[in-house]
Every structure is written in structure tokens, then in C-alpha cells.
Amino acid sequence: MREVDLRRVDLNLLVVLAALIEERSVTRAAMRLGMSQPAASRALARLRALFSDALLADGPGGYVLTARAEEMRPLLRGTLEGVGELLDGRAFDPMRETRPVRLLMLDLEAAVLAPRLIASLAAHAPSVDLEVIPPGRQPLEALEGDAADALVGLVEDAPAGIRKRSLYEDHFVTLMRAEHPAAGAELTLERFLALDHVVVSTTGIGRAWVDEVLQRSGRQRRVKVRVPSFFAAVEIAARSDLVMTLPSSLARTAADMRRFVTAQPPLDLGGVTMSLAWHARHQDAPRHVWLRRTIVEAVAGLGLR
């Protein structure tokens, strides 16, 4: 690997580069950094010479990032964060923190956790905003690229570089509207299979856990609707004869609307462990240690086990 002589590089340029990449505008980057527009333009010229790349290229309606700029974006963010922590030592004061917290969570998981987390942030980190990001198809890659601080959800296998800890154990329930024809009757396996089901699928591909279990015994249910959102699925179940099977903590959030009844699924689905996952590079970072502790305390206040 080629060794770079850092003595010949003005590291302040990296701060300018981060602003340029985020703003994609020399004028806005200059305003963000409190410098003049000509000074920001000169800094961009030096950065282009340093990296032998345009970094910002002309596009429709303004600048767009070059492939090289897109590639360095997550590394640059992590580098500047690390330098800040290095200079700040081990000190971290959440009351002075201004960076937003970015969490990967599904919508109904956010509905369960976010209210208590928001209350905790308001009390102990009032300048910190919460950004909930849909997990997408590759949520662990988002942690790798620093697109999010942590993930709250189901994490079965954590690859190298990803750390996790369990938050609480949960079990599955079947949810249906209170006026459903099957409400109040024993939910046998035959009756369960005869019903139409709505399934939450954030990726749009693959089978749900219920269908995996059914397949092992050679059985199959009718999945009539697939949607990417728990709240969409809940509304569909509330206004139709479709039923949905989901973790009980999420069902309790939906059941607050008093439009539903729950039943025990007539098959052994086992338990489900909701976890908190983060990248190993942030294992000892004071801000991330505080964030993980805050999330764990927020979950503990929910009374989940």
C-alpha cells in the first residue's frame, strides 16, 4: 500500500471536503463552514489536485458527486468522527451533542421504541434529533457504511465486524379484527390455513417465518397480500377478513386501537429475539456507548422481557 506523507497534506481540507460532499454546493458548503465562497472554491481546487478527481461534477440542476467522491463518503465521515473523538479524549457530554441519532428500524418497531427514546433524548440530549431509517434489503451493509448508528430488529446471524446484543424476547400472535368471523373461535391449524393472510415483506422476496415452518410439515397458507409496512398490514387487517401473524410486542402496539383480537398461532413458531446491532468500529466510541445504553434503558422501560 502506498504510504502518504501527511506532513504535505492540509488536513483541514478534509473538513471542507465533507461539507462539499454533503451540500453538493460550493456556496452552501462555504456558509456551513463560515468561510467565503472564493475560499471554498480554492479549497475545492486544491482537493481536486490532491485526489486527482473532480469530486463534484456538473449535473442537471447543480453538482453531482463523482464515483470517487461517493466511494470515499462513508470513510470520510468515519475518519472525521474518529479524529473528533481522538481530540476530545474520552469525554462525551450528551447535553452538548448535536449529531442526529440514525437507527434502522421497521415502522411498527419504531412505534414501540421511539416514544420512550424520544423522551430520553429530550431529557438528556435535547439537541439530538432521531432519524428512523427503513432497514432495506441489506441493513447490515448500512452499518458497515455508517449510513446508520445502529439497528434494532431481528438479527439472526451477525457477520464479522458486526456486534449485537439481545434487547428482549418475544413470541408470535395472530391478529384479526374484532368483528372477524373467526374471532372468539378456537384457532385450529385447519382454520388458520383456511384464512387469508397479509404478510409484511420489507424486501418483497422470500418467505415469511410462518411459511418456512409450514413448509417443513408440507403445509401452506394463502398469503393474499404482501406489503412493506406493518402499519399498512394492520390497516388491511382492520378493514378486511385478512389476518396477520407478528411478534406480540408489535401486536400490542397495534391493539391499542381496540379494533383487534389476538390468538395463539396453532403451530410452534418458537420465540423471537429482538436485538441491537452496531459496527465493531464503534464498540468503544463514547457517543456510541452512550447511545446503546440509552436504547437498552428505553427498552427496559417498556416492560418487555
C-alpha atoms as a PDB file:
ATOM      1  CA  MET A   1       0.000   0.000   0.000  1.00  0.00           C
ATOM      2  CA  ARG A   2       1.353   3.421  -0.946  1.00  0.00           C
ATOM      3  CA  GLU A   3       2.385   5.469   2.077  1.00  0.00           C
ATOM      4  CA  VAL A   4       1.077   9.037   2.117  1.00  0.00           C
ATOM      5  CA  ASP A   5       3.200  11.797   3.615  1.00  0.00           C
ATOM      6  CA  LEU A   6       0.591  13.516   5.792  1.00  0.00           C
ATOM      7  CA  ARG A   7       3.017  16.340   6.518  1.00  0.00           C
ATOM      8  CA  ARG A   8       2.419  17.593   2.980  1.00  0.00           C
ATOM      9  CA  VAL A   9      -1.385  17.494   3.302  1.00  0.00           C
ATOM     10  CA  ASP A  10      -3.571  20.173   4.877  1.00  0.00           C
ATOM     11  CA  LEU A  11      -5.979  18.006   6.862  1.00  0.00           C
ATOM     12  CA  ASN A  12      -8.373  20.950   7.211  1.00  0.00           C
ATOM     13  CA  LEU A  13      -9.222  20.255   3.593  1.00  0.00           C
ATOM     14  CA  LEU A  14     -10.991  17.074   4.705  1.00  0.00           C
ATOM     15  CA  VAL A  15     -13.463  19.166   6.697  1.00  0.00           C
ATOM     16  CA  VAL A  16     -14.172  21.215   3.589  1.00  0.00           C
ATOM     17  CA  LEU A  17     -14.458  18.035   1.527  1.00  0.00           C
ATOM     18  CA  ALA A  18     -17.069  16.608   3.922  1.00  0.00           C
ATOM     19  CA  ALA A  19     -19.147  19.787   3.642  1.00  0.00           C
ATOM     20  CA  LEU A  20     -18.860  19.826  -0.150  1.00  0.00           C
ATOM     21  CA  ILE A  21     -19.930  16.193  -0.393  1.00  0.00           C
ATOM     22  CA  GLU A  22     -22.895  16.707   1.902  1.00  0.00           C
ATOM     23  CA  GLU A  23     -24.051  20.003   0.414  1.00  0.00           C
ATOM     24  CA  ARG A  24     -23.034  19.372  -3.226  1.00  0.00           C
ATOM     25  CA  SER A  25     -22.697  23.128  -3.493  1.00  0.00           C
ATOM     26  CA  VAL A  26     -19.685  25.379  -3.002  1.00  0.00           C
ATOM     27  CA  THR A  27     -21.868  28.230  -1.786  1.00  0.00           C
ATOM     28  CA  ARG A  28     -23.772  26.155   0.776  1.00  0.00           C
ATOM     29  CA  ALA A  29     -20.583  24.450   1.956  1.00  0.00           C
ATOM     30  CA  ALA A  30     -18.965  27.862   2.486  1.00  0.00           C
ATOM     31  CA  MET A  31     -21.959  29.068   4.508  1.00  0.00           C
ATOM     32  CA  ARG A  32     -21.936  25.875   6.566  1.00  0.00           C
ATOM     33  CA  LEU A  33     -18.250  26.310   7.405  1.00  0.00           C
ATOM     34  CA  GLY A  34     -18.382  30.085   7.914  1.00  0.00           C
ATOM     35  CA  MET A  35     -15.942  30.820   5.119  1.00  0.00           C
ATOM     36  CA  SER A  36     -16.170  32.897   1.945  1.00  0.00           C
ATOM     37  CA  GLN A  37     -17.327  31.392  -1.337  1.00  0.00           C
ATOM     38  CA  PRO A  38     -13.988  32.152  -3.080  1.00  0.00           C
ATOM     39  CA  ALA A  39     -12.116  30.426  -0.239  1.00  0.00           C
ATOM     40  CA  ALA A  40     -14.327  27.359  -0.609  1.00  0.00           C
ATOM     41  CA  SER A  41     -13.733  27.374  -4.376  1.00  0.00           C
ATOM     42  CA  ARG A  42      -9.973  27.492  -3.833  1.00  0.00           C
ATOM     43  CA  ALA A  43     -10.254  24.624  -1.345  1.00  0.00           C
ATOM     44  CA  LEU A  44     -12.187  22.583  -3.922  1.00  0.00           C
ATOM     45  CA  ALA A  45      -9.456  23.231  -6.486  1.00  0.00           C
ATOM     46  CA  ARG A  46      -6.820  22.002  -4.027  1.00  0.00           C
ATOM     47  CA  LEU A  47      -8.897  18.924  -3.217  1.00  0.00           C
ATOM     48  CA  ARG A  48      -9.258  18.114  -6.899  1.00  0.00           C
ATOM     49  CA  ALA A  49      -5.493  18.316  -7.282  1.00  0.00           C
ATOM     50  CA  LEU A  50      -4.933  16.240  -4.132  1.00  0.00           C
ATOM     51  CA  PHE A  51      -7.241  13.417  -5.196  1.00  0.00           C
ATOM     52  CA  SER A  52      -6.739  13.756  -8.970  1.00  0.00           C
ATOM     53  CA  ASP A  53     -10.505  13.726  -9.310  1.00  0.00           C
ATOM     54  CA  ALA A  54     -13.202  16.334  -9.981  1.00  0.00           C
ATOM     55  CA  LEU A  55     -15.138  15.207  -6.842  1.00  0.00           C
ATOM     56  CA  LEU A  56     -18.067  17.460  -7.832  1.00  0.00           C
ATOM     57  CA  ALA A  57     -19.173  17.256 -11.451  1.00  0.00           C
ATOM     58  CA  ASP A  58     -21.707  19.370 -13.318  1.00  0.00           C
ATOM     59  CA  GLY A  59     -25.136  17.758 -13.417  1.00  0.00           C
ATOM     60  CA  PRO A  60     -28.748  18.688 -14.045  1.00  0.00           C
ATOM     61  CA  GLY A  61     -29.604  21.472 -11.635  1.00  0.00           C
ATOM     62  CA  GLY A  62     -26.199  21.643  -9.972  1.00  0.00           C
ATOM     63  CA  TYR A  63     -23.283  19.480  -8.887  1.00  0.00           C
ATOM     64  CA  VAL A  64     -23.346  15.677  -8.561  1.00  0.00           C
ATOM     65  CA  LEU A  65     -20.757  13.517  -6.813  1.00  0.00           C
ATOM     66  CA  THR A  66     -18.221  11.642  -8.860  1.00  0.00           C
ATOM     67  CA  ALA A  67     -17.799   7.919  -8.319  1.00  0.00           C
ATOM     68  CA  ARG A  68     -14.654   8.607  -6.281  1.00  0.00           C
ATOM     69  CA  ALA A  69     -16.494  11.069  -4.032  1.00  0.00           C
ATOM     70  CA  GLU A  70     -19.330   8.575  -3.469  1.00  0.00           C
ATOM     71  CA  GLU A  71     -16.778   5.902  -2.640  1.00  0.00           C
ATOM     72  CA  MET A  72     -14.935   7.992  -0.041  1.00  0.00           C
ATOM     73  CA  ARG A  73     -18.071   9.426   1.577  1.00  0.00           C
ATOM     74  CA  PRO A  74     -18.582   6.814   4.386  1.00  0.00           C
ATOM     75  CA  LEU A  75     -14.838   6.541   5.066  1.00  0.00           C
ATOM     76  CA  LEU A  76     -14.512  10.327   5.293  1.00  0.00           C
ATOM     77  CA  ARG A  77     -17.415  10.556   7.764  1.00  0.00           C
ATOM     78  CA  GLY A  78     -15.897   7.850   9.950  1.00  0.00           C
ATOM     79  CA  THR A  79     -12.441   9.391   9.744  1.00  0.00           C
ATOM     80  CA  LEU A  80     -13.597  12.836  10.848  1.00  0.00           C
ATOM     81  CA  GLU A  81     -15.709  11.325  13.619  1.00  0.00           C
ATOM     82  CA  GLY A  82     -12.706   9.351  14.809  1.00  0.00           C
ATOM     83  CA  VAL A  83     -10.437  12.402  14.727  1.00  0.00           C
ATOM     84  CA  GLY A  84     -13.022  14.345  16.727  1.00  0.00           C
ATOM     85  CA  GLU A  85     -13.164  11.639  19.357  1.00  0.00           C
ATOM     86  CA  LEU A  86      -9.360  11.419  19.397  1.00  0.00           C
ATOM     87  CA  LEU A  87      -9.020  15.133  20.090  1.00  0.00           C
ATOM     88  CA  ASP A  88     -11.875  15.106  22.583  1.00  0.00           C
ATOM     89  CA  GLY A  89     -10.393  12.213  24.539  1.00  0.00           C
ATOM     90  CA  ARG A  90     -12.896  10.055  26.392  1.00  0.00           C
ATOM     91  CA  ALA A  91     -15.145  12.987  27.228  1.00  0.00           C
ATOM     92  CA  PHE A  92     -18.671  12.862  25.870  1.00  0.00           C
ATOM     93  CA  ASP A  93     -21.475  15.109  27.026  1.00  0.00           C
ATOM     94  CA  PRO A  94     -24.890  14.221  25.557  1.00  0.00           C
ATOM     95  CA  MET A  95     -26.193  17.625  26.641  1.00  0.00           C
ATOM     96  CA  ARG A  96     -23.774  19.202  24.133  1.00  0.00           C
ATOM     97  CA  GLU A  97     -24.252  16.627  21.397  1.00  0.00           C
ATOM     98  CA  THR A  98     -25.875  17.865  18.175  1.00  0.00           C
ATOM     99  CA  ARG A  99     -25.392  14.995  15.725  1.00  0.00           C
ATOM    100  CA  PRO A 100     -28.622  13.118  14.969  1.00  0.00           C
ATOM    101  CA  VAL A 101     -29.155   9.520  16.011  1.00  0.00           C
ATOM    102  CA  ARG A 102     -29.810   7.332  12.960  1.00  0.00           C
ATOM    103  CA  LEU A 103     -31.493   3.995  13.685  1.00  0.00           C
ATOM    104  CA  LEU A 104     -32.507   1.246  11.300  1.00  0.00           C
ATOM    105  CA  MET A 105     -35.980   0.066  12.364  1.00  0.00           C
ATOM    106  CA  LEU A 106     -39.212  -1.127  10.806  1.00  0.00           C
ATOM    107  CA  ASP A 107     -42.188   1.169  11.218  1.00  0.00           C
ATOM    108  CA  LEU A 108     -44.012  -0.706  13.965  1.00  0.00           C
ATOM    109  CA  GLU A 109     -40.767  -1.372  15.844  1.00  0.00           C
ATOM    110  CA  ALA A 110     -40.220   2.382  15.743  1.00  0.00           C
ATOM    111  CA  ALA A 111     -43.724   2.884  17.117  1.00  0.00           C
ATOM    112  CA  VAL A 112     -42.876   0.606  20.053  1.00  0.00           C
ATOM    113  CA  LEU A 113     -39.478   2.093  20.907  1.00  0.00           C
ATOM    114  CA  ALA A 114     -39.363   5.652  19.568  1.00  0.00           C
ATOM    115  CA  PRO A 115     -41.688   7.360  22.090  1.00  0.00           C
ATOM    116  CA  ARG A 116     -39.564   6.338  25.092  1.00  0.00           C
ATOM    117  CA  LEU A 117     -36.347   7.003  23.188  1.00  0.00           C
ATOM    118  CA  ILE A 118     -37.547  10.476  22.218  1.00  0.00           C
ATOM    119  CA  ALA A 119     -38.415  11.213  25.851  1.00  0.00           C
ATOM    120  CA  SER A 120     -34.939  10.107  26.951  1.00  0.00           C
ATOM    121  CA  LEU A 121     -33.239  12.239  24.304  1.00  0.00           C
ATOM    122  CA  ALA A 122     -35.361  15.250  25.266  1.00  0.00           C
ATOM    123  CA  ALA A 123     -34.226  14.905  28.877  1.00  0.00           C
ATOM    124  CA  HIS A 124     -30.564  14.037  28.410  1.00  0.00           C
ATOM    125  CA  ALA A 125     -29.623  15.104  24.854  1.00  0.00           C
ATOM    126  CA  PRO A 126     -32.052  17.878  23.881  1.00  0.00           C
ATOM    127  CA  SER A 127     -30.194  18.906  20.712  1.00  0.00           C
ATOM    128  CA  VAL A 128     -30.108  15.366  19.294  1.00  0.00           C
ATOM    129  CA  ASP A 129     -32.698  14.506  16.643  1.00  0.00           C
ATOM    130  CA  LEU A 130     -33.857  10.962  15.878  1.00  0.00           C
ATOM    131  CA  GLU A 131     -33.856   9.659  12.312  1.00  0.00           C
ATOM    132  CA  VAL A 132     -35.533   6.283  11.701  1.00  0.00           C
ATOM    133  CA  ILE A 133     -34.319   4.628   8.505  1.00  0.00           C
ATOM    134  CA  PRO A 134     -36.072   1.676   6.802  1.00  0.00           C
ATOM    135  CA  PRO A 135     -33.738  -1.343   7.022  1.00  0.00           C
ATOM    136  CA  GLY A 136     -33.998  -2.246   3.317  1.00  0.00           C
ATOM    137  CA  ARG A 137     -32.566  -5.436   1.863  1.00  0.00           C
ATOM    138  CA  GLN A 138     -29.049  -5.108   3.315  1.00  0.00           C
ATOM    139  CA  PRO A 139     -29.369  -3.445   6.736  1.00  0.00           C
ATOM    140  CA  LEU A 140     -26.003  -4.710   7.994  1.00  0.00           C
ATOM    141  CA  GLU A 141     -24.303  -3.126   4.991  1.00  0.00           C
ATOM    142  CA  ALA A 142     -25.793   0.191   6.131  1.00  0.00           C
ATOM    143  CA  LEU A 143     -23.938  -0.265   9.425  1.00  0.00           C
ATOM    144  CA  GLU A 144     -20.772  -1.086   7.521  1.00  0.00           C
ATOM    145  CA  GLY A 145     -21.108   2.120   5.503  1.00  0.00           C
ATOM    146  CA  ASP A 146     -22.019   4.272   8.520  1.00  0.00           C
ATOM    147  CA  ALA A 147     -25.385   5.108   6.990  1.00  0.00           C
ATOM    148  CA  ALA A 148     -26.855   4.389  10.432  1.00  0.00           C
ATOM    149  CA  ASP A 149     -25.600   4.262  14.011  1.00  0.00           C
ATOM    150  CA  ALA A 150     -27.372   1.054  14.992  1.00  0.00           C
ATOM    151  CA  LEU A 151     -30.040  -1.456  14.022  1.00  0.00           C
ATOM    152  CA  VAL A 152     -32.988  -2.526  16.163  1.00  0.00           C
ATOM    153  CA  GLY A 153     -34.739  -5.669  14.971  1.00  0.00           C
ATOM    154  CA  LEU A 154     -34.254  -9.328  14.144  1.00  0.00           C
ATOM    155  CA  VAL A 155     -30.576 -10.152  13.629  1.00  0.00           C
ATOM    156  CA  GLU A 156     -30.074 -13.895  13.288  1.00  0.00           C
ATOM    157  CA  ASP A 157     -26.505 -14.036  12.039  1.00  0.00           C
ATOM    158  CA  ALA A 158     -24.084 -11.192  12.651  1.00  0.00           C
ATOM    159  CA  PRO A 159     -21.118 -11.332  10.243  1.00  0.00           C
ATOM    160  CA  ALA A 160     -17.583 -10.359  11.165  1.00  0.00           C
ATOM    161  CA  GLY A 161     -17.422  -6.696  12.107  1.00  0.00           C
ATOM    162  CA  ILE A 162     -20.987  -6.525  13.432  1.00  0.00           C
ATOM    163  CA  ARG A 163     -21.671  -6.695  17.168  1.00  0.00           C
ATOM    164  CA  LYS A 164     -25.086  -7.351  18.689  1.00  0.00           C
ATOM    165  CA  ARG A 165     -26.866  -7.831  21.996  1.00  0.00           C
ATOM    166  CA  SER A 166     -30.375  -9.040  22.732  1.00  0.00           C
ATOM    167  CA  LEU A 167     -32.933  -6.467  23.840  1.00  0.00           C
ATOM    168  CA  TYR A 168     -35.923  -8.661  24.669  1.00  0.00           C
ATOM    169  CA  GLU A 169     -37.564 -11.983  23.894  1.00  0.00           C
ATOM    170  CA  ASP A 170     -40.912 -12.079  22.139  1.00  0.00           C
ATOM    171  CA  HIS A 171     -43.407 -14.592  20.791  1.00  0.00           C
ATOM    172  CA  PHE A 172     -45.802 -14.615  17.859  1.00  0.00           C
ATOM    173  CA  VAL A 173     -49.531 -13.931  17.916  1.00  0.00           C
ATOM    174  CA  THR A 174     -52.156 -13.876  15.190  1.00  0.00           C
ATOM    175  CA  LEU A 175     -54.051 -10.605  14.879  1.00  0.00           C
ATOM    176  CA  MET A 176     -57.524 -10.166  13.369  1.00  0.00           C
ATOM    177  CA  ARG A 177     -60.236  -7.532  13.503  1.00  0.00           C
ATOM    178  CA  ALA A 178     -62.644  -7.752  16.435  1.00  0.00           C
ATOM    179  CA  GLU A 179     -65.613  -8.478  14.138  1.00  0.00           C
ATOM    180  CA  HIS A 180     -63.766 -11.177  12.190  1.00  0.00           C
ATOM    181  CA  PRO A 181     -65.877 -14.331  11.619  1.00  0.00           C
ATOM    182  CA  ALA A 182     -63.131 -16.392  13.273  1.00  0.00           C
ATOM    183  CA  ALA A 183     -62.830 -14.127  16.330  1.00  0.00           C
ATOM    184  CA  GLY A 184     -63.646 -15.961  19.550  1.00  0.00           C
ATOM    185  CA  ALA A 185     -63.407 -19.417  17.985  1.00  0.00           C
ATOM    186  CA  GLU A 186     -60.528 -21.772  18.637  1.00  0.00           C
ATOM    187  CA  LEU A 187     -57.849 -21.116  16.043  1.00  0.00           C
ATOM    188  CA  THR A 188     -57.066 -24.627  14.884  1.00  0.00           C
ATOM    189  CA  LEU A 189     -54.440 -25.306  12.269  1.00  0.00           C
ATOM    190  CA  GLU A 190     -57.089 -26.156   9.672  1.00  0.00           C
ATOM    191  CA  ARG A 191     -58.945 -22.911  10.373  1.00  0.00           C
ATOM    192  CA  PHE A 192     -55.649 -20.965  10.305  1.00  0.00           C
ATOM    193  CA  LEU A 193     -54.776 -22.416   6.895  1.00  0.00           C
ATOM    194  CA  ALA A 194     -58.250 -21.669   5.560  1.00  0.00           C
ATOM    195  CA  LEU A 195     -57.904 -17.956   6.352  1.00  0.00           C
ATOM    196  CA  ASP A 196     -56.396 -15.360   4.027  1.00  0.00           C
ATOM    197  CA  HIS A 197     -53.229 -13.726   5.354  1.00  0.00           C
ATOM    198  CA  VAL A 198     -51.434 -10.404   4.985  1.00  0.00           C
ATOM    199  CA  VAL A 199     -47.646 -10.509   5.333  1.00  0.00           C
ATOM    200  CA  VAL A 200     -45.095  -7.768   5.921  1.00  0.00           C
ATOM    201  CA  SER A 201     -42.193  -8.131   3.491  1.00  0.00           C
ATOM    202  CA  THR A 202     -39.659  -5.313   3.511  1.00  0.00           C
ATOM    203  CA  THR A 203     -37.701  -6.804   0.609  1.00  0.00           C
ATOM    204  CA  GLY A 204     -40.551  -8.212  -1.459  1.00  0.00           C
ATOM    205  CA  ILE A 205     -38.754 -11.551  -1.822  1.00  0.00           C
ATOM    206  CA  GLY A 206     -38.507 -14.737   0.199  1.00  0.00           C
ATOM    207  CA  ARG A 207     -40.924 -16.474   2.551  1.00  0.00           C
ATOM    208  CA  ALA A 208     -42.041 -15.290   5.963  1.00  0.00           C
ATOM    209  CA  TRP A 209     -41.040 -17.309   9.038  1.00  0.00           C
ATOM    210  CA  VAL A 210     -44.564 -18.747   9.338  1.00  0.00           C
ATOM    211  CA  ASP A 211     -44.337 -20.112   5.785  1.00  0.00           C
ATOM    212  CA  GLU A 212     -40.909 -21.605   6.486  1.00  0.00           C
ATOM    213  CA  VAL A 213     -42.349 -23.517   9.458  1.00  0.00           C
ATOM    214  CA  LEU A 214     -45.413 -24.642   7.496  1.00  0.00           C
ATOM    215  CA  GLN A 215     -43.289 -25.883   4.607  1.00  0.00           C
ATOM    216  CA  ARG A 216     -41.407 -28.250   6.923  1.00  0.00           C
ATOM    217  CA  SER A 217     -44.646 -30.131   7.532  1.00  0.00           C
ATOM    218  CA  GLY A 218     -45.790 -29.916   3.914  1.00  0.00           C
ATOM    219  CA  ARG A 219     -48.491 -27.344   4.638  1.00  0.00           C
ATOM    220  CA  GLN A 220     -49.180 -23.975   3.028  1.00  0.00           C
ATOM    221  CA  ARG A 221     -51.321 -20.953   3.822  1.00  0.00           C
ATOM    222  CA  ARG A 222     -52.826 -18.412   1.435  1.00  0.00           C
ATOM    223  CA  VAL A 223     -50.807 -15.196   1.525  1.00  0.00           C
ATOM    224  CA  LYS A 224     -53.199 -12.884  -0.249  1.00  0.00           C
ATOM    225  CA  VAL A 225     -51.386  -9.588   0.306  1.00  0.00           C
ATOM    226  CA  ARG A 226     -47.727  -8.603   0.819  1.00  0.00           C
ATOM    227  CA  VAL A 227     -46.879  -5.085   1.941  1.00  0.00           C
ATOM    228  CA  PRO A 228     -43.608  -3.463   3.084  1.00  0.00           C
ATOM    229  CA  SER A 229     -45.102  -1.743   6.144  1.00  0.00           C
ATOM    230  CA  PHE A 230     -46.522  -3.066   9.414  1.00  0.00           C
ATOM    231  CA  PHE A 231     -48.933  -0.160   9.670  1.00  0.00           C
ATOM    232  CA  ALA A 232     -50.250  -0.855   6.171  1.00  0.00           C
ATOM    233  CA  ALA A 233     -50.727  -4.510   7.117  1.00  0.00           C
ATOM    234  CA  VAL A 234     -52.511  -3.531  10.340  1.00  0.00           C
ATOM    235  CA  GLU A 235     -54.931  -1.273   8.475  1.00  0.00           C
ATOM    236  CA  ILE A 236     -55.622  -4.006   5.929  1.00  0.00           C
ATOM    237  CA  ALA A 237     -56.334  -6.473   8.755  1.00  0.00           C
ATOM    238  CA  ALA A 238     -58.583  -3.903  10.474  1.00  0.00           C
ATOM    239  CA  ARG A 239     -60.714  -3.384   7.361  1.00  0.00           C
ATOM    240  CA  SER A 240     -60.893  -6.917   5.929  1.00  0.00           C
ATOM    241  CA  ASP A 241     -61.012 -10.578   6.877  1.00  0.00           C
ATOM    242  CA  LEU A 242     -57.279 -10.993   6.352  1.00  0.00           C
ATOM    243  CA  VAL A 243     -55.247 -11.923   9.423  1.00  0.00           C
ATOM    244  CA  MET A 244     -51.593 -11.331  10.209  1.00  0.00           C
ATOM    245  CA  THR A 245     -49.087 -13.092  12.463  1.00  0.00           C
ATOM    246  CA  LEU A 246     -46.431 -10.940  14.107  1.00  0.00           C
ATOM    247  CA  PRO A 247     -44.413 -10.531  17.337  1.00  0.00           C
ATOM    248  CA  SER A 248     -46.648  -9.816  20.324  1.00  0.00           C
ATOM    249  CA  SER A 249     -44.919  -6.534  21.251  1.00  0.00           C
ATOM    250  CA  LEU A 250     -45.765  -5.158  17.833  1.00  0.00           C
ATOM    251  CA  ALA A 251     -49.298  -6.544  18.024  1.00  0.00           C
ATOM    252  CA  ARG A 252     -49.839  -4.832  21.393  1.00  0.00           C
ATOM    253  CA  THR A 253     -48.937  -1.515  19.801  1.00  0.00           C
ATOM    254  CA  ALA A 254     -51.500  -2.122  17.067  1.00  0.00           C
ATOM    255  CA  ALA A 255     -54.080  -3.485  19.511  1.00  0.00           C
ATOM    256  CA  ASP A 256     -54.181  -0.154  21.334  1.00  0.00           C
ATOM    257  CA  MET A 257     -56.656   0.820  18.610  1.00  0.00           C
ATOM    258  CA  ARG A 258     -59.144  -1.619  20.182  1.00  0.00           C
ATOM    259  CA  ARG A 259     -60.092  -2.916  16.791  1.00  0.00           C
ATOM    260  CA  PHE A 260     -58.409  -6.305  17.106  1.00  0.00           C
ATOM    261  CA  VAL A 261     -58.311  -9.580  18.935  1.00  0.00           C
ATOM    262  CA  THR A 262     -55.282 -11.829  19.178  1.00  0.00           C
ATOM    263  CA  ALA A 263     -54.997 -15.590  19.115  1.00  0.00           C
ATOM    264  CA  GLN A 264     -52.209 -18.083  19.676  1.00  0.00           C
ATOM    265  CA  PRO A 265     -50.946 -19.390  16.305  1.00  0.00           C
ATOM    266  CA  PRO A 266     -51.759 -23.110  16.010  1.00  0.00           C
ATOM    267  CA  LEU A 267     -48.170 -24.088  15.226  1.00  0.00           C
ATOM    268  CA  ASP A 268     -44.873 -23.874  17.042  1.00  0.00           C
ATOM    269  CA  LEU A 269     -43.164 -20.755  15.749  1.00  0.00           C
ATOM    270  CA  GLY A 270     -40.681 -20.597  18.608  1.00  0.00           C
ATOM    271  CA  GLY A 271     -39.576 -17.320  20.129  1.00  0.00           C
ATOM    272  CA  VAL A 272     -38.099 -14.267  18.527  1.00  0.00           C
ATOM    273  CA  THR A 273     -35.200 -12.215  19.868  1.00  0.00           C
ATOM    274  CA  MET A 274     -35.178  -8.509  19.158  1.00  0.00           C
ATOM    275  CA  SER A 275     -31.587  -7.296  19.043  1.00  0.00           C
ATOM    276  CA  LEU A 276     -29.477  -4.175  18.925  1.00  0.00           C
ATOM    277  CA  ALA A 277     -26.659  -4.333  16.357  1.00  0.00           C
ATOM    278  CA  TRP A 278     -23.796  -1.959  15.604  1.00  0.00           C
ATOM    279  CA  HIS A 279     -20.448  -1.950  13.831  1.00  0.00           C
ATOM    280  CA  ALA A 280     -17.412  -3.106  15.786  1.00  0.00           C
ATOM    281  CA  ARG A 281     -15.524   0.076  14.906  1.00  0.00           C
ATOM    282  CA  HIS A 282     -17.840   1.929  17.288  1.00  0.00           C
ATOM    283  CA  GLN A 283     -17.587  -0.579  20.119  1.00  0.00           C
ATOM    284  CA  ASP A 284     -15.702   1.755  22.460  1.00  0.00           C
ATOM    285  CA  ALA A 285     -16.618   5.141  20.978  1.00  0.00           C
ATOM    286  CA  PRO A 286     -18.112   7.223  23.854  1.00  0.00           C
ATOM    287  CA  ARG A 287     -21.022   8.506  21.781  1.00  0.00           C
ATOM    288  CA  HIS A 288     -21.996   5.013  20.681  1.00  0.00           C
ATOM    289  CA  VAL A 289     -21.583   3.542  24.153  1.00  0.00           C
ATOM    290  CA  TRP A 290     -23.991   6.230  25.423  1.00  0.00           C
ATOM    291  CA  LEU A 291     -26.421   5.576  22.558  1.00  0.00           C
ATOM    292  CA  ARG A 292     -26.530   1.831  23.158  1.00  0.00           C
ATOM    293  CA  ARG A 293     -27.076   2.350  26.876  1.00  0.00           C
ATOM    294  CA  THR A 294     -29.892   4.814  26.118  1.00  0.00           C
ATOM    295  CA  ILE A 295     -31.608   2.325  23.797  1.00  0.00           C
ATOM    296  CA  VAL A 296     -31.304  -0.512  26.324  1.00  0.00           C
ATOM    297  CA  GLU A 297     -32.767   1.682  29.077  1.00  0.00           C
ATOM    298  CA  ALA A 298     -35.623   2.770  26.806  1.00  0.00           C
ATOM    299  CA  VAL A 299     -36.489  -0.861  26.043  1.00  0.00           C
ATOM    300  CA  ALA A 300     -36.284  -1.780  29.740  1.00  0.00           C
ATOM    301  CA  GLY A 301     -38.897   0.882  30.462  1.00  0.00           C
ATOM    302  CA  LEU A 302     -41.334  -0.836  28.118  1.00  0.00           C
ATOM    303  CA  GLY A 303     -41.657  -3.827  30.426  1.00  0.00           C
ATOM    304  CA  LEU A 304     -40.614  -6.301  27.717  1.00  0.00           C
ATOM    305  CA  ARG A 305     -38.625  -9.386  28.685  1.00  0.00           C
END
